[in-house]
């Protein structure tokens, strides 16, 4: 399940860059959540669940998780727009480091010596990558701003994962995703540029729809994975 998420997230930054040629950041983030919400409602209804049940009395932690993920989507897309797919794809891996730390200090997950050494290597690699990128940039101010945005996206994503972990025993994984998508649709609607939908070409629409499909599959498998393995292990797999 985690590997499916890793595969989809691996290609996402490239598709986002294509989508950004015709759609604004807020429009893309909002559409991805709306698309995922509508498809998931249909799937849950078809499988005999009550998809809207969790929306009648939503847990506040789930609402907080939705706000975190909506901020993550917006900032990730902005990071791709400002600094390119490769820079975003590497720096967003700080989320995995933060997630491991949360797993250890909040959920009392244990790290073996090899895992601690791996964390040190990851930190060193991220530092070297940042140093290399820094030596080749033409607009330092925009580059640093983009990196701050990406790190913020990583931090709020960890907040989303913590909410999923805390609620995974009381609620179904896909019901939680439905709540998160609904919260995000409401939170991001103010950033939508409605004219984007009428002036975008066929390739841009295909890229946008792919981003929506990416959301529902990647987060669907990730939410299921949270129930079965520790957060530290999930973070290592999705770093691929």
C-alpha atoms as a PDB file:
ATOM      1  CA  UNK A   1       0.000   0.000   0.000  1.00  0.00           C
ATOM      2  CA  UNK A   2       2.780   2.423   0.918  1.00  0.00           C
ATOM      3  CA  UNK A   3       4.688   1.573  -2.259  1.00  0.00           C
ATOM      4  CA  UNK A   4       1.671   2.495  -4.404  1.00  0.00           C
ATOM      5  CA  UNK A   5       1.656   5.885  -2.671  1.00  0.00           C
ATOM      6  CA  UNK A   6       5.393   6.287  -3.307  1.00  0.00           C
ATOM      7  CA  UNK A   7       4.994   5.460  -7.012  1.00  0.00           C
ATOM      8  CA  UNK A   8       2.172   7.969  -7.510  1.00  0.00           C
ATOM      9  CA  UNK A   9       3.944  10.728  -5.581  1.00  0.00           C
ATOM     10  CA  UNK A  10       7.095  10.105  -7.610  1.00  0.00           C
ATOM     11  CA  UNK A  11       5.442  11.231 -10.857  1.00  0.00           C
ATOM     12  CA  UNK A  12       3.147  13.863  -9.321  1.00  0.00           C
ATOM     13  CA  UNK A  13       5.577  16.852  -9.336  1.00  0.00           C
ATOM     14  CA  UNK A  14       6.122  16.481 -13.091  1.00  0.00           C
ATOM     15  CA  UNK A  15       2.384  16.373 -13.814  1.00  0.00           C
ATOM     16  CA  UNK A  16       1.837  19.338 -11.498  1.00  0.00           C
ATOM     17  CA  UNK A  17       4.357  21.370 -13.510  1.00  0.00           C
ATOM     18  CA  UNK A  18       2.355  20.638 -16.679  1.00  0.00           C
ATOM     19  CA  UNK A  19      -0.911  21.533 -14.945  1.00  0.00           C
ATOM     20  CA  UNK A  20       0.524  24.825 -13.672  1.00  0.00           C
ATOM     21  CA  UNK A  21       0.937  26.039 -17.259  1.00  0.00           C
ATOM     22  CA  UNK A  22      -2.856  26.514 -17.486  1.00  0.00           C
ATOM     23  CA  UNK A  23      -4.209  26.465 -13.926  1.00  0.00           C
ATOM     24  CA  UNK A  24      -3.424  28.531 -10.826  1.00  0.00           C
ATOM     25  CA  UNK A  25      -2.115  26.939  -7.631  1.00  0.00           C
ATOM     26  CA  UNK A  26      -5.376  27.363  -5.699  1.00  0.00           C
ATOM     27  CA  UNK A  27      -7.468  25.997  -8.567  1.00  0.00           C
ATOM     28  CA  UNK A  28      -5.375  22.823  -8.839  1.00  0.00           C
ATOM     29  CA  UNK A  29      -5.411  22.100  -5.095  1.00  0.00           C
ATOM     30  CA  UNK A  30      -9.175  22.677  -4.824  1.00  0.00           C
ATOM     31  CA  UNK A  31     -10.041  20.573  -7.883  1.00  0.00           C
ATOM     32  CA  UNK A  32      -7.950  17.626  -6.660  1.00  0.00           C
ATOM     33  CA  UNK A  33      -9.915  17.499  -3.421  1.00  0.00           C
ATOM     34  CA  UNK A  34     -13.294  18.010  -5.091  1.00  0.00           C
ATOM     35  CA  UNK A  35     -12.578  15.261  -7.630  1.00  0.00           C
ATOM     36  CA  UNK A  36     -11.407  12.847  -4.911  1.00  0.00           C
ATOM     37  CA  UNK A  37     -14.410  13.668  -2.701  1.00  0.00           C
ATOM     38  CA  UNK A  38     -16.993  13.025  -5.423  1.00  0.00           C
ATOM     39  CA  UNK A  39     -15.383   9.777  -6.623  1.00  0.00           C
ATOM     40  CA  UNK A  40     -14.990   8.468  -3.076  1.00  0.00           C
ATOM     41  CA  UNK A  41     -18.662   9.222  -2.264  1.00  0.00           C
ATOM     42  CA  UNK A  42     -19.717   7.169  -5.292  1.00  0.00           C
ATOM     43  CA  UNK A  43     -17.387   4.278  -4.385  1.00  0.00           C
ATOM     44  CA  UNK A  44     -18.489   4.130  -0.733  1.00  0.00           C
ATOM     45  CA  UNK A  45     -22.160   4.369  -1.701  1.00  0.00           C
ATOM     46  CA  UNK A  46     -21.717   1.556  -4.236  1.00  0.00           C
ATOM     47  CA  UNK A  47     -20.069  -0.621  -1.577  1.00  0.00           C
ATOM     48  CA  UNK A  48     -23.025  -0.160   0.768  1.00  0.00           C
ATOM     49  CA  UNK A  49     -21.469   2.280   3.223  1.00  0.00           C
ATOM     50  CA  UNK A  50     -22.993   5.521   4.467  1.00  0.00           C
ATOM     51  CA  UNK A  51     -20.396   7.896   3.023  1.00  0.00           C
ATOM     52  CA  UNK A  52     -21.785  11.101   4.508  1.00  0.00           C
ATOM     53  CA  UNK A  53     -22.262   9.711   8.027  1.00  0.00           C
ATOM     54  CA  UNK A  54     -18.924  11.023   9.327  1.00  0.00           C
ATOM     55  CA  UNK A  55     -19.779  14.520   8.047  1.00  0.00           C
ATOM     56  CA  UNK A  56     -22.805  14.772  10.347  1.00  0.00           C
ATOM     57  CA  UNK A  57     -20.672  14.624  13.502  1.00  0.00           C
ATOM     58  CA  UNK A  58     -17.052  15.073  12.393  1.00  0.00           C
ATOM     59  CA  UNK A  59     -14.248  14.576  14.963  1.00  0.00           C
ATOM     60  CA  UNK A  60     -12.332  17.802  15.515  1.00  0.00           C
ATOM     61  CA  UNK A  61      -9.007  16.002  14.986  1.00  0.00           C
ATOM     62  CA  UNK A  62     -10.237  14.966  11.536  1.00  0.00           C
ATOM     63  CA  UNK A  63     -11.155  18.573  10.722  1.00  0.00           C
ATOM     64  CA  UNK A  64      -7.676  19.664  11.833  1.00  0.00           C
ATOM     65  CA  UNK A  65      -6.198  16.954   9.611  1.00  0.00           C
ATOM     66  CA  UNK A  66      -8.205  18.255   6.667  1.00  0.00           C
ATOM     67  CA  UNK A  67      -6.944  21.804   7.224  1.00  0.00           C
ATOM     68  CA  UNK A  68      -3.376  20.486   7.417  1.00  0.00           C
ATOM     69  CA  UNK A  69      -3.701  18.553   4.164  1.00  0.00           C
ATOM     70  CA  UNK A  70      -5.334  21.463   2.330  1.00  0.00           C
ATOM     71  CA  UNK A  71      -2.377  23.667   3.339  1.00  0.00           C
ATOM     72  CA  UNK A  72       0.015  20.910   2.246  1.00  0.00           C
ATOM     73  CA  UNK A  73      -1.559  20.664  -1.220  1.00  0.00           C
ATOM     74  CA  UNK A  74      -1.483  24.404  -1.750  1.00  0.00           C
ATOM     75  CA  UNK A  75       2.133  24.813  -0.609  1.00  0.00           C
ATOM     76  CA  UNK A  76       3.397  21.757  -2.505  1.00  0.00           C
ATOM     77  CA  UNK A  77       1.875  23.083  -5.731  1.00  0.00           C
ATOM     78  CA  UNK A  78       3.308  26.538  -5.030  1.00  0.00           C
ATOM     79  CA  UNK A  79       6.712  24.973  -4.327  1.00  0.00           C
ATOM     80  CA  UNK A  80       6.670  23.228  -7.717  1.00  0.00           C
ATOM     81  CA  UNK A  81       5.686  26.491  -9.402  1.00  0.00           C
ATOM     82  CA  UNK A  82       8.453  28.518  -7.746  1.00  0.00           C
ATOM     83  CA  UNK A  83      11.384  26.089  -7.716  1.00  0.00           C
ATOM     84  CA  UNK A  84      10.601  23.199 -10.079  1.00  0.00           C
ATOM     85  CA  UNK A  85       9.582  19.536  -9.638  1.00  0.00           C
ATOM     86  CA  UNK A  86      12.990  18.137  -8.645  1.00  0.00           C
ATOM     87  CA  UNK A  87      13.625  20.621  -5.838  1.00  0.00           C
ATOM     88  CA  UNK A  88      10.152  20.095  -4.391  1.00  0.00           C
ATOM     89  CA  UNK A  89      10.337  16.297  -4.736  1.00  0.00           C
ATOM     90  CA  UNK A  90      13.584  16.129  -2.752  1.00  0.00           C
ATOM     91  CA  UNK A  91      12.909  18.737  -0.055  1.00  0.00           C
ATOM     92  CA  UNK A  92       9.416  17.398   0.687  1.00  0.00           C
ATOM     93  CA  UNK A  93      11.207  14.291   1.988  1.00  0.00           C
ATOM     94  CA  UNK A  94      11.823  16.276   5.168  1.00  0.00           C
ATOM     95  CA  UNK A  95       8.226  15.246   5.899  1.00  0.00           C
ATOM     96  CA  UNK A  96       9.427  11.654   6.247  1.00  0.00           C
ATOM     97  CA  UNK A  97      12.098  12.726   8.736  1.00  0.00           C
ATOM     98  CA  UNK A  98       9.554  14.691  10.772  1.00  0.00           C
ATOM     99  CA  UNK A  99       7.163  11.723  10.627  1.00  0.00           C
ATOM    100  CA  UNK A 100       9.794   9.352  12.001  1.00  0.00           C
ATOM    101  CA  UNK A 101      10.449  11.748  14.900  1.00  0.00           C
ATOM    102  CA  UNK A 102       6.712  11.990  15.640  1.00  0.00           C
ATOM    103  CA  UNK A 103       6.467   8.190  15.529  1.00  0.00           C
ATOM    104  CA  UNK A 104       9.250   7.904  18.107  1.00  0.00           C
ATOM    105  CA  UNK A 105       8.324  10.730  20.482  1.00  0.00           C
ATOM    106  CA  UNK A 106       4.515  10.709  20.218  1.00  0.00           C
ATOM    107  CA  UNK A 107       3.580   7.111  19.414  1.00  0.00           C
ATOM    108  CA  UNK A 108       6.563   5.505  21.228  1.00  0.00           C
ATOM    109  CA  UNK A 109       7.760   3.612  18.161  1.00  0.00           C
ATOM    110  CA  UNK A 110      11.304   2.236  18.497  1.00  0.00           C
ATOM    111  CA  UNK A 111      14.202   2.836  16.109  1.00  0.00           C
ATOM    112  CA  UNK A 112      17.044   0.373  15.674  1.00  0.00           C
ATOM    113  CA  UNK A 113      20.643   1.605  15.305  1.00  0.00           C
ATOM    114  CA  UNK A 114      20.487   1.105  11.529  1.00  0.00           C
ATOM    115  CA  UNK A 115      17.412   3.320  11.355  1.00  0.00           C
ATOM    116  CA  UNK A 116      19.118   6.067  13.374  1.00  0.00           C
ATOM    117  CA  UNK A 117      22.094   5.893  11.001  1.00  0.00           C
ATOM    118  CA  UNK A 118      19.660   6.152   8.092  1.00  0.00           C
ATOM    119  CA  UNK A 119      18.157   9.317   9.569  1.00  0.00           C
ATOM    120  CA  UNK A 120      21.640  10.866   9.820  1.00  0.00           C
ATOM    121  CA  UNK A 121      22.358   9.957   6.183  1.00  0.00           C
ATOM    122  CA  UNK A 122      19.052  11.462   5.048  1.00  0.00           C
ATOM    123  CA  UNK A 123      19.757  14.701   6.919  1.00  0.00           C
ATOM    124  CA  UNK A 124      23.237  14.872   5.363  1.00  0.00           C
ATOM    125  CA  UNK A 125      21.847  14.202   1.886  1.00  0.00           C
ATOM    126  CA  UNK A 126      19.223  16.923   2.186  1.00  0.00           C
ATOM    127  CA  UNK A 127      21.875  19.402   3.331  1.00  0.00           C
ATOM    128  CA  UNK A 128      24.157  18.551   0.376  1.00  0.00           C
ATOM    129  CA  UNK A 129      21.256  18.823  -2.078  1.00  0.00           C
ATOM    130  CA  UNK A 130      20.272  22.232  -0.690  1.00  0.00           C
ATOM    131  CA  UNK A 131      23.911  23.413  -0.895  1.00  0.00           C
ATOM    132  CA  UNK A 132      24.199  22.241  -4.511  1.00  0.00           C
ATOM    133  CA  UNK A 133      20.929  23.910  -5.550  1.00  0.00           C
ATOM    134  CA  UNK A 134      21.926  27.100  -3.748  1.00  0.00           C
ATOM    135  CA  UNK A 135      25.122  27.416  -5.810  1.00  0.00           C
ATOM    136  CA  UNK A 136      23.167  27.413  -9.105  1.00  0.00           C
ATOM    137  CA  UNK A 137      20.167  29.651  -8.433  1.00  0.00           C
ATOM    138  CA  UNK A 138      19.584  32.972 -10.189  1.00  0.00           C
ATOM    139  CA  UNK A 139      16.854  34.348  -7.906  1.00  0.00           C
ATOM    140  CA  UNK A 140      17.975  33.671  -4.286  1.00  0.00           C
ATOM    141  CA  UNK A 141      14.972  35.349  -2.657  1.00  0.00           C
ATOM    142  CA  UNK A 142      12.414  33.303  -4.583  1.00  0.00           C
ATOM    143  CA  UNK A 143      14.432  30.099  -4.053  1.00  0.00           C
ATOM    144  CA  UNK A 144      14.576  30.538  -0.271  1.00  0.00           C
ATOM    145  CA  UNK A 145      10.892  31.442  -0.158  1.00  0.00           C
ATOM    146  CA  UNK A 146      10.052  28.297  -2.147  1.00  0.00           C
ATOM    147  CA  UNK A 147      12.084  26.153   0.257  1.00  0.00           C
ATOM    148  CA  UNK A 148      10.348  27.637   3.302  1.00  0.00           C
ATOM    149  CA  UNK A 149       6.985  26.912   1.662  1.00  0.00           C
ATOM    150  CA  UNK A 150       8.013  23.287   0.967  1.00  0.00           C
ATOM    151  CA  UNK A 151       9.216  22.747   4.555  1.00  0.00           C
ATOM    152  CA  UNK A 152       5.906  24.164   5.837  1.00  0.00           C
ATOM    153  CA  UNK A 153       4.099  21.753   3.498  1.00  0.00           C
ATOM    154  CA  UNK A 154       6.102  18.902   5.026  1.00  0.00           C
ATOM    155  CA  UNK A 155       5.238  19.959   8.585  1.00  0.00           C
ATOM    156  CA  UNK A 156       1.488  20.246   8.012  1.00  0.00           C
ATOM    157  CA  UNK A 157       1.506  16.887   6.192  1.00  0.00           C
ATOM    158  CA  UNK A 158       2.860  15.319   9.378  1.00  0.00           C
ATOM    159  CA  UNK A 159      -0.062  16.925  11.207  1.00  0.00           C
ATOM    160  CA  UNK A 160      -2.427  15.210   8.778  1.00  0.00           C
ATOM    161  CA  UNK A 161      -0.715  11.839   9.317  1.00  0.00           C
ATOM    162  CA  UNK A 162      -0.945  12.182  13.096  1.00  0.00           C
ATOM    163  CA  UNK A 163      -4.684  12.860  12.838  1.00  0.00           C
ATOM    164  CA  UNK A 164      -5.085   9.742  10.668  1.00  0.00           C
ATOM    165  CA  UNK A 165      -3.147   7.614  13.146  1.00  0.00           C
ATOM    166  CA  UNK A 166      -5.149   8.890  16.144  1.00  0.00           C
ATOM    167  CA  UNK A 167      -8.504   8.257  14.457  1.00  0.00           C
ATOM    168  CA  UNK A 168      -7.713   5.062  12.527  1.00  0.00           C
ATOM    169  CA  UNK A 169      -9.036   2.778  15.292  1.00  0.00           C
ATOM    170  CA  UNK A 170     -12.385   4.575  15.649  1.00  0.00           C
ATOM    171  CA  UNK A 171     -13.170   5.289  11.973  1.00  0.00           C
ATOM    172  CA  UNK A 172     -12.662   3.615   8.629  1.00  0.00           C
ATOM    173  CA  UNK A 173      -9.698   4.856   6.608  1.00  0.00           C
ATOM    174  CA  UNK A 174     -11.783   5.953   3.628  1.00  0.00           C
ATOM    175  CA  UNK A 175     -14.386   7.667   5.827  1.00  0.00           C
ATOM    176  CA  UNK A 176     -11.582   9.733   7.327  1.00  0.00           C
ATOM    177  CA  UNK A 177     -10.348  10.583   3.833  1.00  0.00           C
ATOM    178  CA  UNK A 178     -13.849  11.701   2.880  1.00  0.00           C
ATOM    179  CA  UNK A 179     -13.912  14.077   5.849  1.00  0.00           C
ATOM    180  CA  UNK A 180     -10.464  15.415   4.992  1.00  0.00           C
ATOM    181  CA  UNK A 181     -11.447  16.007   1.355  1.00  0.00           C
ATOM    182  CA  UNK A 182     -14.666  17.785   2.369  1.00  0.00           C
ATOM    183  CA  UNK A 183     -12.827  20.090   4.798  1.00  0.00           C
ATOM    184  CA  UNK A 184     -10.200  20.863   2.163  1.00  0.00           C
ATOM    185  CA  UNK A 185     -12.787  21.672  -0.534  1.00  0.00           C
ATOM    186  CA  UNK A 186     -14.331  24.252   1.790  1.00  0.00           C
ATOM    187  CA  UNK A 187     -10.970  25.618   3.001  1.00  0.00           C
ATOM    188  CA  UNK A 188      -9.519  26.141  -0.483  1.00  0.00           C
ATOM    189  CA  UNK A 189     -12.537  27.429  -2.400  1.00  0.00           C
ATOM    190  CA  UNK A 190     -11.467  31.044  -1.905  1.00  0.00           C
ATOM    191  CA  UNK A 191      -8.298  30.435  -3.933  1.00  0.00           C
ATOM    192  CA  UNK A 192     -10.031  29.132  -7.058  1.00  0.00           C
ATOM    193  CA  UNK A 193      -9.607  31.062 -10.322  1.00  0.00           C
ATOM    194  CA  UNK A 194     -12.837  30.015 -12.054  1.00  0.00           C
ATOM    195  CA  UNK A 195     -11.740  31.318 -15.449  1.00  0.00           C
ATOM    196  CA  UNK A 196      -9.031  28.630 -15.517  1.00  0.00           C
ATOM    197  CA  UNK A 197     -11.626  25.960 -16.269  1.00  0.00           C
ATOM    198  CA  UNK A 198     -12.834  27.630 -19.463  1.00  0.00           C
ATOM    199  CA  UNK A 199      -9.502  28.634 -21.003  1.00  0.00           C
ATOM    200  CA  UNK A 200      -7.464  25.478 -20.291  1.00  0.00           C
ATOM    201  CA  UNK A 201      -6.629  23.141 -23.181  1.00  0.00           C
ATOM    202  CA  UNK A 202      -7.074  19.381 -23.482  1.00  0.00           C
ATOM    203  CA  UNK A 203      -3.587  18.446 -22.207  1.00  0.00           C
ATOM    204  CA  UNK A 204      -3.990  20.669 -19.157  1.00  0.00           C
ATOM    205  CA  UNK A 205      -7.345  19.070 -18.354  1.00  0.00           C
ATOM    206  CA  UNK A 206      -5.864  15.565 -18.666  1.00  0.00           C
ATOM    207  CA  UNK A 207      -3.041  16.563 -16.307  1.00  0.00           C
ATOM    208  CA  UNK A 208      -5.531  18.062 -13.835  1.00  0.00           C
ATOM    209  CA  UNK A 209      -7.709  14.928 -13.868  1.00  0.00           C
ATOM    210  CA  UNK A 210      -4.601  12.784 -13.358  1.00  0.00           C
ATOM    211  CA  UNK A 211      -3.802  14.892 -10.270  1.00  0.00           C
ATOM    212  CA  UNK A 212      -7.300  14.163  -8.954  1.00  0.00           C
ATOM    213  CA  UNK A 213      -6.929  10.412  -9.604  1.00  0.00           C
ATOM    214  CA  UNK A 214      -3.501  10.563  -7.978  1.00  0.00           C
ATOM    215  CA  UNK A 215      -5.071  12.050  -4.847  1.00  0.00           C
ATOM    216  CA  UNK A 216      -7.775   9.445  -4.377  1.00  0.00           C
ATOM    217  CA  UNK A 217      -5.510   6.442  -5.012  1.00  0.00           C
ATOM    218  CA  UNK A 218      -2.367   7.668  -3.237  1.00  0.00           C
ATOM    219  CA  UNK A 219      -4.166   8.850  -0.105  1.00  0.00           C
ATOM    220  CA  UNK A 220      -6.531   5.887  -0.184  1.00  0.00           C
ATOM    221  CA  UNK A 221      -3.636   3.426  -0.012  1.00  0.00           C
ATOM    222  CA  UNK A 222      -1.749   5.585   2.493  1.00  0.00           C
ATOM    223  CA  UNK A 223      -4.749   5.723   4.846  1.00  0.00           C
ATOM    224  CA  UNK A 224      -5.026   1.924   4.720  1.00  0.00           C
ATOM    225  CA  UNK A 225      -1.288   1.486   5.341  1.00  0.00           C
ATOM    226  CA  UNK A 226      -1.488   3.554   8.544  1.00  0.00           C
ATOM    227  CA  UNK A 227      -3.628   0.795  10.101  1.00  0.00           C
ATOM    228  CA  UNK A 228      -1.049  -1.938   9.544  1.00  0.00           C
ATOM    229  CA  UNK A 229       2.518  -0.672   9.960  1.00  0.00           C
ATOM    230  CA  UNK A 230       4.365   1.956  12.046  1.00  0.00           C
ATOM    231  CA  UNK A 231       4.626   5.545  10.818  1.00  0.00           C
ATOM    232  CA  UNK A 232       8.427   5.278  10.788  1.00  0.00           C
ATOM    233  CA  UNK A 233       8.281   2.412   8.287  1.00  0.00           C
ATOM    234  CA  UNK A 234       5.701   4.177   6.116  1.00  0.00           C
ATOM    235  CA  UNK A 235       7.910   7.287   5.980  1.00  0.00           C
ATOM    236  CA  UNK A 236      10.886   5.254   4.757  1.00  0.00           C
ATOM    237  CA  UNK A 237       8.869   3.539   1.996  1.00  0.00           C
ATOM    238  CA  UNK A 238       7.254   6.701   0.632  1.00  0.00           C
ATOM    239  CA  UNK A 239      10.663   8.426   0.520  1.00  0.00           C
ATOM    240  CA  UNK A 240      11.386   6.207  -2.471  1.00  0.00           C
END
